[in-house]
Amino acid sequence: MTTLTTPLATAPRALAPTAFDRALLALSRALARFAHGRMEARAARLSTDRARGAARDNGRSLVAEAEFTLRVR
């Protein structure tokens, strides 16, 4: 019985990121920032809607409600 072996290749060097890899990373970061901003806006919109609902329930006028909204922001 004989065994044939081939020499093992040396471990590959760490590959430097290509321009495409850097572009994908930049796009990924931009999408993450966009998603975060969108989630914050949604949370702010919910609290504003609740404040408006409370203002309507308390009998405020539309002018008073708009003034309240401007002060909250």
N, C-alpha and C. Protein backbone atom coordinates (compact mmCIF):
# COMPACT_ATOMS: atom_id res chain seq x y z
N MET A 1 0.85 -1.17 0.00
CA MET A 1 0.00 0.00 0.00
C MET A 1 0.90 1.23 0.00
N THR A 2 0.58 2.15 -0.83
CA THR A 2 1.33 3.41 -0.88
C THR A 2 0.38 4.58 -0.72
N THR A 3 0.87 5.62 -0.18
CA THR A 3 0.06 6.84 -0.03
C THR A 3 0.74 7.95 -0.81
N LEU A 4 -0.05 8.65 -1.47
CA LEU A 4 0.46 9.80 -2.20
C LEU A 4 0.04 11.06 -1.45
N THR A 5 0.94 11.89 -1.20
CA THR A 5 0.63 13.14 -0.50
C THR A 5 1.10 14.30 -1.33
N THR A 6 0.40 15.37 -1.15
CA THR A 6 0.83 16.61 -1.80
C THR A 6 1.19 17.60 -0.71
N PRO A 7 2.13 18.43 -0.97
CA PRO A 7 2.50 19.40 0.06
C PRO A 7 1.32 20.35 0.34
N LEU A 8 1.14 20.68 1.59
CA LEU A 8 0.07 21.60 1.98
C LEU A 8 0.45 23.01 1.59
N ALA A 9 -0.49 23.70 1.07
CA ALA A 9 -0.25 25.11 0.74
C ALA A 9 -0.11 25.90 2.03
N THR A 10 0.67 26.92 1.98
CA THR A 10 0.82 27.75 3.17
C THR A 10 -0.49 28.49 3.41
N ALA A 11 -0.70 28.91 4.61
CA ALA A 11 -1.93 29.61 4.96
C ALA A 11 -2.03 30.89 4.12
N PRO A 12 -3.22 31.18 3.61
CA PRO A 12 -3.35 32.39 2.79
C PRO A 12 -3.14 33.64 3.62
N ARG A 13 -2.52 34.59 3.00
CA ARG A 13 -2.31 35.87 3.70
C ARG A 13 -3.65 36.56 3.89
N ALA A 14 -3.71 37.40 4.88
CA ALA A 14 -4.94 38.16 5.10
C ALA A 14 -5.17 39.04 3.87
N LEU A 15 -6.34 38.91 3.33
CA LEU A 15 -6.65 39.67 2.13
C LEU A 15 -7.03 41.10 2.50
N ALA A 16 -6.45 42.03 1.80
CA ALA A 16 -6.81 43.43 2.02
C ALA A 16 -8.19 43.67 1.41
N PRO A 17 -9.01 44.47 2.07
CA PRO A 17 -10.33 44.73 1.52
C PRO A 17 -10.24 45.46 0.19
N THR A 18 -11.05 45.05 -0.72
CA THR A 18 -11.08 45.68 -2.04
C THR A 18 -11.96 46.92 -1.99
N ALA A 19 -11.97 47.65 -3.08
CA ALA A 19 -12.84 48.82 -3.16
C ALA A 19 -14.31 48.41 -3.03
N PHE A 20 -14.66 47.28 -3.59
CA PHE A 20 -16.03 46.77 -3.49
C PHE A 20 -16.38 46.45 -2.04
N ASP A 21 -15.44 45.83 -1.31
CA ASP A 21 -15.68 45.52 0.11
C ASP A 21 -15.89 46.79 0.91
N ARG A 22 -15.07 47.81 0.64
CA ARG A 22 -15.21 49.08 1.35
C ARG A 22 -16.55 49.74 1.02
N ALA A 23 -16.98 49.64 -0.23
CA ALA A 23 -18.26 50.21 -0.62
C ALA A 23 -19.41 49.50 0.08
N LEU A 24 -19.33 48.17 0.18
CA LEU A 24 -20.37 47.43 0.89
C LEU A 24 -20.42 47.80 2.36
N LEU A 25 -19.26 47.98 2.98
CA LEU A 25 -19.23 48.39 4.39
C LEU A 25 -19.85 49.77 4.57
N ALA A 26 -19.51 50.70 3.67
CA ALA A 26 -20.08 52.05 3.75
C ALA A 26 -21.59 52.01 3.57
N LEU A 27 -22.06 51.21 2.61
CA LEU A 27 -23.50 51.08 2.39
C LEU A 27 -24.19 50.48 3.61
N SER A 28 -23.56 49.48 4.20
CA SER A 28 -24.12 48.85 5.38
C SER A 28 -24.24 49.85 6.54
N ARG A 29 -23.22 50.66 6.73
CA ARG A 29 -23.26 51.66 7.80
C ARG A 29 -24.34 52.70 7.52
N ALA A 30 -24.46 53.13 6.27
CA ALA A 30 -25.47 54.12 5.91
C ALA A 30 -26.88 53.57 6.14
N LEU A 31 -27.10 52.33 5.77
CA LEU A 31 -28.41 51.72 5.99
C LEU A 31 -28.72 51.58 7.48
N ALA A 32 -27.71 51.26 8.27
CA ALA A 32 -27.92 51.14 9.72
C ALA A 32 -28.29 52.50 10.31
N ARG A 33 -27.61 53.57 9.87
CA ARG A 33 -27.93 54.91 10.36
C ARG A 33 -29.34 55.31 9.94
N PHE A 34 -29.71 55.00 8.70
CA PHE A 34 -31.05 55.32 8.20
C PHE A 34 -32.11 54.59 9.01
N ALA A 35 -31.90 53.31 9.26
CA ALA A 35 -32.87 52.52 10.02
C ALA A 35 -33.00 53.06 11.44
N HIS A 36 -31.89 53.45 12.04
CA HIS A 36 -31.92 53.98 13.40
C HIS A 36 -32.71 55.30 13.44
N GLY A 37 -32.44 56.17 12.49
CA GLY A 37 -33.16 57.44 12.43
C GLY A 37 -34.65 57.24 12.20
N ARG A 38 -34.98 56.27 11.38
CA ARG A 38 -36.39 55.97 11.11
C ARG A 38 -37.09 55.44 12.35
N MET A 39 -36.40 54.60 13.12
CA MET A 39 -37.00 54.08 14.35
C MET A 39 -37.20 55.20 15.37
N GLU A 40 -36.24 56.12 15.47
CA GLU A 40 -36.39 57.25 16.38
C GLU A 40 -37.55 58.14 15.96
N ALA A 41 -37.69 58.37 14.66
CA ALA A 41 -38.79 59.20 14.16
C ALA A 41 -40.13 58.54 14.47
N ARG A 42 -40.20 57.24 14.31
CA ARG A 42 -41.45 56.52 14.61
C ARG A 42 -41.80 56.65 16.09
N ALA A 43 -40.80 56.54 16.96
CA ALA A 43 -41.05 56.67 18.40
C ALA A 43 -41.50 58.09 18.73
N ALA A 44 -40.88 59.09 18.11
CA ALA A 44 -41.28 60.48 18.35
C ALA A 44 -42.68 60.73 17.85
N ARG A 45 -43.02 60.14 16.70
CA ARG A 45 -44.36 60.32 16.15
C ARG A 45 -45.42 59.73 17.08
N LEU A 46 -45.11 58.58 17.68
CA LEU A 46 -46.07 57.97 18.61
C LEU A 46 -46.30 58.87 19.81
N SER A 47 -45.22 59.43 20.37
CA SER A 47 -45.40 60.28 21.55
C SER A 47 -46.12 61.57 21.17
N THR A 48 -45.86 62.10 19.96
CA THR A 48 -46.57 63.30 19.51
C THR A 48 -48.04 63.00 19.32
N ASP A 49 -48.35 61.86 18.73
CA ASP A 49 -49.76 61.48 18.55
C ASP A 49 -50.47 61.33 19.88
N ARG A 50 -49.79 60.75 20.85
CA ARG A 50 -50.39 60.62 22.19
C ARG A 50 -50.62 61.98 22.82
N ALA A 51 -49.65 62.90 22.63
CA ALA A 51 -49.81 64.25 23.19
C ALA A 51 -50.97 64.97 22.53
N ARG A 52 -51.11 64.82 21.21
CA ARG A 52 -52.23 65.44 20.51
C ARG A 52 -53.56 64.86 20.99
N GLY A 53 -53.59 63.55 21.17
CA GLY A 53 -54.81 62.92 21.66
C GLY A 53 -55.19 63.43 23.04
N ALA A 54 -54.18 63.58 23.89
CA ALA A 54 -54.44 64.10 25.23
C ALA A 54 -54.93 65.54 25.16
N ALA A 55 -54.35 66.32 24.24
CA ALA A 55 -54.78 67.72 24.10
C ALA A 55 -56.23 67.79 23.64
N ARG A 56 -56.60 66.94 22.70
CA ARG A 56 -57.98 66.92 22.22
C ARG A 56 -58.93 66.48 23.34
N ASP A 57 -58.49 65.50 24.10
CA ASP A 57 -59.34 65.01 25.20
C ASP A 57 -59.53 66.07 26.27
N ASN A 58 -58.54 66.96 26.43
CA ASN A 58 -58.64 68.01 27.44
C ASN A 58 -59.38 69.23 26.91
N GLY A 59 -59.84 69.17 25.66
CA GLY A 59 -60.64 70.26 25.11
C GLY A 59 -59.82 71.43 24.60
N ARG A 60 -58.58 71.26 24.26
CA ARG A 60 -57.79 72.37 23.73
C ARG A 60 -58.21 72.68 22.30
N SER A 61 -58.03 73.92 21.91
CA SER A 61 -58.33 74.31 20.53
C SER A 61 -57.20 73.85 19.62
N LEU A 62 -57.41 73.94 18.31
CA LEU A 62 -56.37 73.56 17.36
C LEU A 62 -55.15 74.46 17.47
N VAL A 63 -55.35 75.74 17.76
CA VAL A 63 -54.23 76.66 17.92
C VAL A 63 -53.42 76.28 19.15
N ALA A 64 -54.10 75.98 20.24
CA ALA A 64 -53.40 75.57 21.46
C ALA A 64 -52.67 74.26 21.25
N GLU A 65 -53.27 73.37 20.49
CA GLU A 65 -52.63 72.08 20.21
C GLU A 65 -51.37 72.29 19.36
N ALA A 66 -51.45 73.15 18.35
CA ALA A 66 -50.28 73.43 17.52
C ALA A 66 -49.18 74.09 18.33
N GLU A 67 -49.55 74.99 19.20
CA GLU A 67 -48.57 75.65 20.07
C GLU A 67 -47.91 74.64 20.99
N PHE A 68 -48.69 73.74 21.53
CA PHE A 68 -48.17 72.69 22.40
C PHE A 68 -47.18 71.80 21.65
N THR A 69 -47.55 71.44 20.41
CA THR A 69 -46.68 70.59 19.60
C THR A 69 -45.36 71.28 19.32
N LEU A 70 -45.40 72.56 18.98
CA LEU A 70 -44.17 73.30 18.71
C LEU A 70 -43.28 73.38 19.95
N ARG A 71 -43.87 73.53 21.10
CA ARG A 71 -43.07 73.60 22.33
C ARG A 71 -42.46 72.25 22.68
N VAL A 72 -43.18 71.19 22.40
CA VAL A 72 -42.68 69.85 22.71
C VAL A 72 -41.48 69.53 21.82
N ARG A 73 -41.54 69.89 20.56
CA ARG A 73 -40.45 69.60 19.64
C ARG A 73 -39.28 70.46 19.95
